[in-house]
Amino acid sequence: MGAKTKSGTRAAVQSPRAKRGRAASGQKTGLARYYELYLALSNSLRDGTYAAGDALPSEPDLMRSFRLSRSTVRRALHRLQQEDRIVRRHGSGTYAKVSPDGERTQFSQSSFIDSARALESTTTTRLLQYRQLPTPPRLLKLAPDFGPTALHIERARSSRGKPYALVAAYVSAKWSRKLTRAAVGNRATVVALANLGASFSIAHQFYGAMLADQQQAERLSVAIGTPLLHVVSQFRESNGHITHFEEWFLRSDIHSLHSILELA
C-alpha cells in the first residue's frame, strides 16, 4: 500500500475490500470499514511509507480506493489527527507528522525477568481488581494442575501517562496465600513472586490478537474494535509446579515485544 512509483509519486492506497465490491450497509460493517482504512494508514505511517512531511492520499482518492463515504474517511483521518500522527491543512491536504515510534514501549522476551523488573521504575499501574475467584476454564485447559481457585489481580499499566496494557494475573493457591497487595505494588507479578522466593524455570507463552471490547477500550483509551495483541504466559517453578498465569492485552500502536531466537 502507498508504494512509491518510479516517478517518485505515491500510488493510491489500495483496499482489498475494493476488489470484492461494497459490503452490505449497517453499523457493524461501517465500523469494520472505518478500521480498515485507519489501520492501512496507521501502518503506512509506522513503517515509513509516509515520512514526516509527506502528503497522504486525498479524501477523494481514499474514498475511491476503499469505496468509502466521505464521513467514514474523515472519521479515520480524525482519529489519526487525535493521535498527533497527521496534520490536516485546509485547502492543502493531509500530511504525515514525525513517527511516534520513538515513544513506543518495548519488552524484551529474551531477558524476561530483567524487563519485568524494569517496569517498576519505567511504568505505573492502576489496580482494577484484587480478589479470589474460580480459575477460568480456558486456563485450566492449558494447565489442568493449576487448581480450582486463583487470586485474580487486574491492573492497567501506563507509560509516560499513556495506558498501553491491561494485565490480568491468576496466582495459584500456594502463592496467593503468601502474596499481599503491598508485595505486588507496582511490580510485575512474576517479580513479586520471585521476591517471595519463587524459583522459575520455564514459561510458556501463547500469542494471539483480538478486538477491544467496550471495557478494554475505555481502560486503554482506544476506540471499540481496536486490534490488541493478546499474550498469555504460564509460569512454572523448577519443581514443575505452576505459580501463575499472566494475561496481557497490549496496544500495538505504542508497544512492541522483542525476542532473540538462538537457532544453533
C-alpha atoms as a PDB file:
ATOM      1  CA  MET A   1       0.000   0.000   0.000  1.00  0.00           C
ATOM      2  CA  GLY A   2       1.144   3.515  -0.829  1.00  0.00           C
ATOM      3  CA  ALA A   3       4.321   2.259  -2.627  1.00  0.00           C
ATOM      4  CA  LYS A   4       6.489   4.770  -4.483  1.00  0.00           C
ATOM      5  CA  THR A   5       6.280   4.755  -8.244  1.00  0.00           C
ATOM      6  CA  LYS A   6       9.300   5.243 -10.499  1.00  0.00           C
ATOM      7  CA  SER A   7       8.470   8.914 -10.895  1.00  0.00           C
ATOM      8  CA  GLY A   8       8.689   9.396  -7.128  1.00  0.00           C
ATOM      9  CA  THR A   9       4.969   9.911  -6.562  1.00  0.00           C
ATOM     10  CA  ARG A  10       2.899   7.583  -4.418  1.00  0.00           C
ATOM     11  CA  ALA A  11       0.314   5.198  -5.725  1.00  0.00           C
ATOM     12  CA  ALA A  12      -3.088   5.445  -4.074  1.00  0.00           C
ATOM     13  CA  VAL A  13      -3.635   3.185  -1.059  1.00  0.00           C
ATOM     14  CA  GLN A  14      -5.397   0.105  -2.361  1.00  0.00           C
ATOM     15  CA  SER A  15      -8.062  -1.640  -0.299  1.00  0.00           C
ATOM     16  CA  PRO A  16      -8.502  -5.410  -0.696  1.00  0.00           C
ATOM     17  CA  ARG A  17     -12.152  -4.819   0.081  1.00  0.00           C
ATOM     18  CA  ALA A  18     -12.497  -2.638  -3.004  1.00  0.00           C
ATOM     19  CA  LYS A  19     -11.791  -5.653  -5.184  1.00  0.00           C
ATOM     20  CA  ARG A  20     -14.628  -7.578  -3.580  1.00  0.00           C
ATOM     21  CA  GLY A  21     -17.208  -4.834  -4.013  1.00  0.00           C
ATOM     22  CA  ARG A  22     -19.104  -2.849  -1.476  1.00  0.00           C
ATOM     23  CA  ALA A  23     -20.385  -4.808   1.520  1.00  0.00           C
ATOM     24  CA  ALA A  24     -23.929  -4.542   2.767  1.00  0.00           C
ATOM     25  CA  SER A  25     -24.651  -1.414   4.771  1.00  0.00           C
ATOM     26  CA  GLY A  26     -25.008  -1.444   8.574  1.00  0.00           C
ATOM     27  CA  GLN A  27     -23.293  -0.271  11.704  1.00  0.00           C
ATOM     28  CA  LYS A  28     -21.105  -3.343  12.115  1.00  0.00           C
ATOM     29  CA  THR A  29     -19.922  -3.201   8.502  1.00  0.00           C
ATOM     30  CA  GLY A  30     -19.295   0.553   8.740  1.00  0.00           C
ATOM     31  CA  LEU A  31     -17.154   0.050  11.825  1.00  0.00           C
ATOM     32  CA  ALA A  32     -15.034  -2.589  10.088  1.00  0.00           C
ATOM     33  CA  ARG A  33     -14.574  -0.385   7.014  1.00  0.00           C
ATOM     34  CA  TYR A  34     -13.516   2.576   9.145  1.00  0.00           C
ATOM     35  CA  TYR A  35     -10.864   0.450  10.884  1.00  0.00           C
ATOM     36  CA  GLU A  36      -9.656  -0.986   7.600  1.00  0.00           C
ATOM     37  CA  LEU A  37      -8.725   2.497   6.425  1.00  0.00           C
ATOM     38  CA  TYR A  38      -7.392   3.585   9.810  1.00  0.00           C
ATOM     39  CA  LEU A  39      -5.124   0.538  10.076  1.00  0.00           C
ATOM     40  CA  ALA A  40      -3.918   0.856   6.491  1.00  0.00           C
ATOM     41  CA  LEU A  41      -2.870   4.468   7.019  1.00  0.00           C
ATOM     42  CA  SER A  42      -1.543   3.771  10.507  1.00  0.00           C
ATOM     43  CA  ASN A  43       0.728   1.008   9.228  1.00  0.00           C
ATOM     44  CA  SER A  44       1.984   3.218   6.387  1.00  0.00           C
ATOM     45  CA  LEU A  45       2.849   5.969   8.856  1.00  0.00           C
ATOM     46  CA  ARG A  46       4.593   3.495  11.150  1.00  0.00           C
ATOM     47  CA  ASP A  47       6.675   1.687   8.514  1.00  0.00           C
ATOM     48  CA  GLY A  48       7.897   4.876   6.853  1.00  0.00           C
ATOM     49  CA  THR A  49       5.839   4.679   3.681  1.00  0.00           C
ATOM     50  CA  TYR A  50       4.824   8.226   4.583  1.00  0.00           C
ATOM     51  CA  ALA A  51       7.705  10.088   6.207  1.00  0.00           C
ATOM     52  CA  ALA A  52       7.257  13.299   8.160  1.00  0.00           C
ATOM     53  CA  GLY A  53       6.001  15.997   5.804  1.00  0.00           C
ATOM     54  CA  ASP A  54       4.779  13.620   3.115  1.00  0.00           C
ATOM     55  CA  ALA A  55       1.292  14.140   1.741  1.00  0.00           C
ATOM     56  CA  LEU A  56      -1.235  11.359   2.290  1.00  0.00           C
ATOM     57  CA  PRO A  57      -3.762  10.472  -0.421  1.00  0.00           C
ATOM     58  CA  SER A  58      -6.567  12.993  -0.724  1.00  0.00           C
ATOM     59  CA  GLU A  59     -10.024  12.299   0.666  1.00  0.00           C
ATOM     60  CA  PRO A  60     -11.429  11.623  -2.832  1.00  0.00           C
ATOM     61  CA  ASP A  61      -8.557   9.187  -3.544  1.00  0.00           C
ATOM     62  CA  LEU A  62      -9.207   7.320  -0.291  1.00  0.00           C
ATOM     63  CA  MET A  63     -12.936   7.257  -0.996  1.00  0.00           C
ATOM     64  CA  ARG A  64     -12.296   5.679  -4.405  1.00  0.00           C
ATOM     65  CA  SER A  65      -9.602   3.223  -3.260  1.00  0.00           C
ATOM     66  CA  PHE A  66     -11.517   1.966  -0.242  1.00  0.00           C
ATOM     67  CA  ARG A  67     -15.017   2.596  -1.624  1.00  0.00           C
ATOM     68  CA  LEU A  68     -15.956   4.549   1.479  1.00  0.00           C
ATOM     69  CA  SER A  69     -18.151   7.546   2.144  1.00  0.00           C
ATOM     70  CA  ARG A  70     -16.526  10.898   2.879  1.00  0.00           C
ATOM     71  CA  SER A  71     -17.736  10.770   6.504  1.00  0.00           C
ATOM     72  CA  THR A  72     -16.081   7.362   7.034  1.00  0.00           C
ATOM     73  CA  VAL A  73     -12.796   8.579   5.527  1.00  0.00           C
ATOM     74  CA  ARG A  74     -12.885  11.665   7.722  1.00  0.00           C
ATOM     75  CA  ARG A  75     -13.542   9.539  10.786  1.00  0.00           C
ATOM     76  CA  ALA A  76     -10.353   7.538  10.164  1.00  0.00           C
ATOM     77  CA  LEU A  77      -8.339  10.702   9.494  1.00  0.00           C
ATOM     78  CA  HIS A  78      -9.770  12.387  12.581  1.00  0.00           C
ATOM     79  CA  ARG A  79      -8.511   9.563  14.774  1.00  0.00           C
ATOM     80  CA  LEU A  80      -5.005   9.801  13.302  1.00  0.00           C
ATOM     81  CA  GLN A  81      -5.146  13.549  13.889  1.00  0.00           C
ATOM     82  CA  GLN A  82      -6.168  12.997  17.513  1.00  0.00           C
ATOM     83  CA  GLU A  83      -3.167  10.680  17.900  1.00  0.00           C
ATOM     84  CA  ASP A  84      -0.989  13.565  16.626  1.00  0.00           C
ATOM     85  CA  ARG A  85       0.270  11.468  13.710  1.00  0.00           C
ATOM     86  CA  ILE A  86      -1.000  13.671  10.880  1.00  0.00           C
ATOM     87  CA  VAL A  87      -1.722  17.341  10.312  1.00  0.00           C
ATOM     88  CA  ARG A  88      -4.636  18.477   8.159  1.00  0.00           C
ATOM     89  CA  ARG A  89      -4.310  21.814   6.365  1.00  0.00           C
ATOM     90  CA  HIS A  90      -7.436  23.376   4.954  1.00  0.00           C
ATOM     91  CA  GLY A  91      -7.178  23.748   1.209  1.00  0.00           C
ATOM     92  CA  SER A  92      -3.838  21.924   1.099  1.00  0.00           C
ATOM     93  CA  GLY A  93      -4.264  18.326   2.270  1.00  0.00           C
ATOM     94  CA  THR A  94      -3.206  15.851   4.935  1.00  0.00           C
ATOM     95  CA  TYR A  95       0.452  15.392   5.891  1.00  0.00           C
ATOM     96  CA  ALA A  96       2.396  12.883   7.984  1.00  0.00           C
ATOM     97  CA  LYS A  97       4.000  14.038  11.201  1.00  0.00           C
ATOM     98  CA  VAL A  98       7.067  12.639  12.959  1.00  0.00           C
ATOM     99  CA  SER A  99       6.656   8.910  13.585  1.00  0.00           C
ATOM    100  CA  PRO A 100       5.647   8.066  17.187  1.00  0.00           C
ATOM    101  CA  ASP A 101       7.995   5.049  17.210  1.00  0.00           C
ATOM    102  CA  GLY A 102      10.394   6.919  19.486  1.00  0.00           C
ATOM    103  CA  GLU A 103       7.670   6.885  22.138  1.00  0.00           C
ATOM    104  CA  ARG A 104       6.949   3.166  21.876  1.00  0.00           C
ATOM    105  CA  THR A 105       7.384   0.962  24.910  1.00  0.00           C
ATOM    106  CA  GLN A 106       9.322  -2.263  24.477  1.00  0.00           C
ATOM    107  CA  PHE A 107       9.590  -5.506  26.397  1.00  0.00           C
ATOM    108  CA  SER A 108      12.409  -7.989  25.775  1.00  0.00           C
ATOM    109  CA  GLN A 109      11.203 -11.577  25.866  1.00  0.00           C
ATOM    110  CA  SER A 110      14.801 -12.807  25.830  1.00  0.00           C
ATOM    111  CA  SER A 111      15.642 -11.178  29.185  1.00  0.00           C
ATOM    112  CA  PHE A 112      12.191 -11.577  30.684  1.00  0.00           C
ATOM    113  CA  ILE A 113      12.836 -11.102  34.397  1.00  0.00           C
ATOM    114  CA  ASP A 114      15.089  -8.084  33.844  1.00  0.00           C
ATOM    115  CA  SER A 115      12.481  -6.473  31.598  1.00  0.00           C
ATOM    116  CA  ALA A 116       9.766  -7.252  34.143  1.00  0.00           C
ATOM    117  CA  ARG A 117      11.810  -5.648  36.936  1.00  0.00           C
ATOM    118  CA  ALA A 118      12.327  -2.529  34.820  1.00  0.00           C
ATOM    119  CA  LEU A 119       8.561  -2.000  34.630  1.00  0.00           C
ATOM    120  CA  GLU A 120       8.533  -0.882  38.267  1.00  0.00           C
ATOM    121  CA  SER A 121      10.616   2.215  37.510  1.00  0.00           C
ATOM    122  CA  THR A 122       9.536   2.928  33.928  1.00  0.00           C
ATOM    123  CA  THR A 123       5.762   2.475  34.138  1.00  0.00           C
ATOM    124  CA  THR A 124       2.863   2.999  36.510  1.00  0.00           C
ATOM    125  CA  THR A 125      -0.151   0.846  37.308  1.00  0.00           C
ATOM    126  CA  ARG A 126      -3.753   1.304  38.347  1.00  0.00           C
ATOM    127  CA  LEU A 127      -5.263  -1.563  40.331  1.00  0.00           C
ATOM    128  CA  LEU A 128      -8.612  -2.674  38.929  1.00  0.00           C
ATOM    129  CA  GLN A 129      -9.281  -5.977  40.726  1.00  0.00           C
ATOM    130  CA  TYR A 130      -7.722  -7.992  43.539  1.00  0.00           C
ATOM    131  CA  ARG A 131      -9.859 -10.950  44.595  1.00  0.00           C
ATOM    132  CA  GLN A 132     -10.198 -14.711  44.748  1.00  0.00           C
ATOM    133  CA  LEU A 133     -12.247 -16.382  42.027  1.00  0.00           C
ATOM    134  CA  PRO A 134     -12.717 -19.768  40.329  1.00  0.00           C
ATOM    135  CA  THR A 135      -9.955 -20.499  37.834  1.00  0.00           C
ATOM    136  CA  PRO A 136     -11.233 -19.691  34.317  1.00  0.00           C
ATOM    137  CA  PRO A 137     -11.854 -22.917  32.339  1.00  0.00           C
ATOM    138  CA  ARG A 138      -9.741 -21.646  29.432  1.00  0.00           C
ATOM    139  CA  LEU A 139      -6.707 -21.535  31.764  1.00  0.00           C
ATOM    140  CA  LEU A 140      -7.435 -24.960  33.214  1.00  0.00           C
ATOM    141  CA  LYS A 141      -7.325 -26.326  29.671  1.00  0.00           C
ATOM    142  CA  LEU A 142      -3.764 -25.041  29.403  1.00  0.00           C
ATOM    143  CA  ALA A 143      -2.761 -26.298  32.865  1.00  0.00           C
ATOM    144  CA  PRO A 144      -5.174 -28.820  34.474  1.00  0.00           C
ATOM    145  CA  ASP A 145      -2.893 -28.978  37.544  1.00  0.00           C
ATOM    146  CA  PHE A 146      -3.354 -25.286  38.367  1.00  0.00           C
ATOM    147  CA  GLY A 147      -6.159 -25.781  40.891  1.00  0.00           C
ATOM    148  CA  PRO A 148      -9.815 -24.734  41.165  1.00  0.00           C
ATOM    149  CA  THR A 149      -9.277 -21.195  42.525  1.00  0.00           C
ATOM    150  CA  ALA A 150      -6.939 -18.298  41.816  1.00  0.00           C
ATOM    151  CA  LEU A 151      -6.062 -14.856  43.122  1.00  0.00           C
ATOM    152  CA  HIS A 152      -7.053 -12.506  40.330  1.00  0.00           C
ATOM    153  CA  ILE A 153      -5.017  -9.300  40.053  1.00  0.00           C
ATOM    154  CA  GLU A 154      -6.016  -6.988  37.224  1.00  0.00           C
ATOM    155  CA  ARG A 155      -4.202  -3.741  36.500  1.00  0.00           C
ATOM    156  CA  ALA A 156      -3.870  -1.112  33.791  1.00  0.00           C
ATOM    157  CA  ARG A 157      -0.234  -0.288  33.057  1.00  0.00           C
ATOM    158  CA  SER A 158       0.814   3.083  31.616  1.00  0.00           C
ATOM    159  CA  SER A 159       3.988   4.601  30.205  1.00  0.00           C
ATOM    160  CA  ARG A 160       4.536   8.372  30.062  1.00  0.00           C
ATOM    161  CA  GLY A 161       0.916   8.841  31.063  1.00  0.00           C
ATOM    162  CA  LYS A 162      -0.469   6.654  28.248  1.00  0.00           C
ATOM    163  CA  PRO A 163      -2.198   3.362  29.126  1.00  0.00           C
ATOM    164  CA  TYR A 164      -0.702   0.660  26.930  1.00  0.00           C
ATOM    165  CA  ALA A 165      -1.628  -2.648  28.578  1.00  0.00           C
ATOM    166  CA  LEU A 166      -4.265  -4.404  30.630  1.00  0.00           C
ATOM    167  CA  VAL A 167      -2.635  -7.132  32.697  1.00  0.00           C
ATOM    168  CA  ALA A 168      -4.546  -9.882  34.472  1.00  0.00           C
ATOM    169  CA  ALA A 169      -2.636 -12.272  36.743  1.00  0.00           C
ATOM    170  CA  TYR A 170      -4.077 -15.531  38.110  1.00  0.00           C
ATOM    171  CA  VAL A 171      -1.978 -16.737  41.050  1.00  0.00           C
ATOM    172  CA  SER A 172      -2.129 -20.321  42.337  1.00  0.00           C
ATOM    173  CA  ALA A 173      -3.449 -21.076  45.823  1.00  0.00           C
ATOM    174  CA  LYS A 174       0.042 -21.805  47.222  1.00  0.00           C
ATOM    175  CA  TRP A 175       1.438 -18.429  46.238  1.00  0.00           C
ATOM    176  CA  SER A 176      -1.732 -16.390  46.712  1.00  0.00           C
ATOM    177  CA  ARG A 177      -1.507 -17.176  50.446  1.00  0.00           C
ATOM    178  CA  LYS A 178       1.914 -15.505  50.552  1.00  0.00           C
ATOM    179  CA  LEU A 179       1.130 -12.558  48.312  1.00  0.00           C
ATOM    180  CA  THR A 180      -0.182  -9.211  49.570  1.00  0.00           C
ATOM    181  CA  ARG A 181      -1.193  -6.018  47.816  1.00  0.00           C
ATOM    182  CA  ALA A 182       1.863  -4.313  49.280  1.00  0.00           C
ATOM    183  CA  ALA A 183       4.124  -7.050  47.901  1.00  0.00           C
ATOM    184  CA  VAL A 184       2.632  -6.557  44.462  1.00  0.00           C
ATOM    185  CA  GLY A 185       2.642  -2.752  44.426  1.00  0.00           C
ATOM    186  CA  ASN A 186       3.769  -1.521  41.010  1.00  0.00           C
ATOM    187  CA  ARG A 187       5.775  -4.690  40.348  1.00  0.00           C
ATOM    188  CA  ALA A 188       5.087  -7.253  37.667  1.00  0.00           C
ATOM    189  CA  THR A 189       3.511 -10.320  39.278  1.00  0.00           C
ATOM    190  CA  VAL A 190       6.432 -12.526  38.251  1.00  0.00           C
ATOM    191  CA  VAL A 191       8.794 -10.136  40.071  1.00  0.00           C
ATOM    192  CA  ALA A 192       6.613 -10.014  43.191  1.00  0.00           C
ATOM    193  CA  LEU A 193       6.615 -13.826  43.352  1.00  0.00           C
ATOM    194  CA  ALA A 194      10.364 -14.035  42.717  1.00  0.00           C
ATOM    195  CA  ASN A 195      10.873 -11.650  45.641  1.00  0.00           C
ATOM    196  CA  LEU A 196       8.877 -14.086  47.805  1.00  0.00           C
ATOM    197  CA  GLY A 197      11.124 -16.987  46.837  1.00  0.00           C
ATOM    198  CA  ALA A 198       9.608 -18.447  43.687  1.00  0.00           C
ATOM    199  CA  SER A 199      12.308 -20.101  41.570  1.00  0.00           C
ATOM    200  CA  PHE A 200      11.209 -20.027  37.953  1.00  0.00           C
ATOM    201  CA  SER A 201      12.467 -22.492  35.378  1.00  0.00           C
ATOM    202  CA  ILE A 202      10.171 -22.138  32.367  1.00  0.00           C
ATOM    203  CA  ALA A 203       7.370 -20.042  30.942  1.00  0.00           C
ATOM    204  CA  HIS A 204       5.043 -20.995  28.104  1.00  0.00           C
ATOM    205  CA  GLN A 205       3.592 -18.155  26.064  1.00  0.00           C
ATOM    206  CA  PHE A 206       0.608 -18.123  23.744  1.00  0.00           C
ATOM    207  CA  TYR A 207       0.129 -15.260  21.261  1.00  0.00           C
ATOM    208  CA  GLY A 208      -2.985 -14.019  19.568  1.00  0.00           C
ATOM    209  CA  ALA A 209      -4.895 -10.903  18.595  1.00  0.00           C
ATOM    210  CA  MET A 210      -8.341  -9.597  19.416  1.00  0.00           C
ATOM    211  CA  LEU A 211     -10.501  -6.515  19.065  1.00  0.00           C
ATOM    212  CA  ALA A 212     -11.004  -4.307  22.106  1.00  0.00           C
ATOM    213  CA  ASP A 213     -14.404  -4.588  23.752  1.00  0.00           C
ATOM    214  CA  GLN A 214     -16.076  -1.634  25.447  1.00  0.00           C
ATOM    215  CA  GLN A 215     -14.375  -2.124  28.828  1.00  0.00           C
ATOM    216  CA  GLN A 216     -10.918  -2.644  27.319  1.00  0.00           C
ATOM    217  CA  ALA A 217     -11.402   0.354  25.043  1.00  0.00           C
ATOM    218  CA  GLU A 218     -12.265   2.604  27.989  1.00  0.00           C
ATOM    219  CA  ARG A 219      -9.329   1.431  30.097  1.00  0.00           C
ATOM    220  CA  LEU A 220      -6.792   1.693  27.282  1.00  0.00           C
ATOM    221  CA  SER A 221      -8.176   4.958  25.842  1.00  0.00           C
ATOM    222  CA  VAL A 222      -8.795   3.455  22.411  1.00  0.00           C
ATOM    223  CA  ALA A 223     -11.858   3.001  20.238  1.00  0.00           C
ATOM    224  CA  ILE A 224     -14.008  -0.109  20.477  1.00  0.00           C
ATOM    225  CA  GLY A 225     -12.740  -2.655  17.975  1.00  0.00           C
ATOM    226  CA  THR A 226      -9.111  -1.514  18.091  1.00  0.00           C
ATOM    227  CA  PRO A 227      -6.794  -4.517  17.471  1.00  0.00           C
ATOM    228  CA  LEU A 228      -4.914  -5.619  20.593  1.00  0.00           C
ATOM    229  CA  LEU A 229      -2.023  -8.041  20.981  1.00  0.00           C
ATOM    230  CA  HIS A 230      -3.073 -10.848  23.338  1.00  0.00           C
ATOM    231  CA  VAL A 231      -0.343 -12.720  25.253  1.00  0.00           C
ATOM    232  CA  VAL A 232      -0.959 -15.467  27.813  1.00  0.00           C
ATOM    233  CA  SER A 233       2.050 -16.640  29.863  1.00  0.00           C
ATOM    234  CA  GLN A 234       2.178 -19.692  32.098  1.00  0.00           C
ATOM    235  CA  PHE A 235       4.983 -19.775  34.709  1.00  0.00           C
ATOM    236  CA  ARG A 236       6.385 -22.850  36.426  1.00  0.00           C
ATOM    237  CA  GLU A 237       8.937 -23.373  39.181  1.00  0.00           C
ATOM    238  CA  SER A 238      11.988 -25.612  38.890  1.00  0.00           C
ATOM    239  CA  ASN A 239       9.984 -28.389  40.596  1.00  0.00           C
ATOM    240  CA  GLY A 240       7.419 -28.218  37.809  1.00  0.00           C
ATOM    241  CA  HIS A 241       4.647 -26.628  39.891  1.00  0.00           C
ATOM    242  CA  ILE A 242       2.759 -23.790  38.265  1.00  0.00           C
ATOM    243  CA  THR A 243       2.891 -20.424  40.038  1.00  0.00           C
ATOM    244  CA  HIS A 244       0.599 -18.243  37.981  1.00  0.00           C
ATOM    245  CA  PHE A 245      -0.730 -17.097  34.641  1.00  0.00           C
ATOM    246  CA  GLU A 246      -0.330 -13.595  33.240  1.00  0.00           C
ATOM    247  CA  GLU A 247      -2.645 -12.337  30.514  1.00  0.00           C
ATOM    248  CA  TRP A 248      -1.682  -9.168  28.656  1.00  0.00           C
ATOM    249  CA  PHE A 249      -3.845  -7.088  26.319  1.00  0.00           C
ATOM    250  CA  LEU A 250      -1.471  -4.677  24.580  1.00  0.00           C
ATOM    251  CA  ARG A 251      -1.876  -1.625  22.361  1.00  0.00           C
ATOM    252  CA  SER A 252       0.239  -2.429  19.325  1.00  0.00           C
ATOM    253  CA  ASP A 253       0.440   1.226  18.302  1.00  0.00           C
ATOM    254  CA  ILE A 254       2.654   2.151  21.276  1.00  0.00           C
ATOM    255  CA  HIS A 255       4.079  -1.170  22.467  1.00  0.00           C
ATOM    256  CA  SER A 256       6.236  -3.880  20.920  1.00  0.00           C
ATOM    257  CA  LEU A 257       7.719  -7.201  22.031  1.00  0.00           C
ATOM    258  CA  HIS A 258      11.295  -8.167  21.218  1.00  0.00           C
ATOM    259  CA  SER A 259      12.675 -11.715  21.130  1.00  0.00           C
ATOM    260  CA  ILE A 260      16.028 -13.239  20.252  1.00  0.00           C
ATOM    261  CA  LEU A 261      15.862 -16.807  18.963  1.00  0.00           C
ATOM    262  CA  GLU A 262      19.028 -18.890  19.199  1.00  0.00           C
ATOM    263  CA  LEU A 263      18.985 -21.353  16.305  1.00  0.00           C
ATOM    264  CA  ALA A 264      22.283 -23.142  16.915  1.00  0.00           C
END
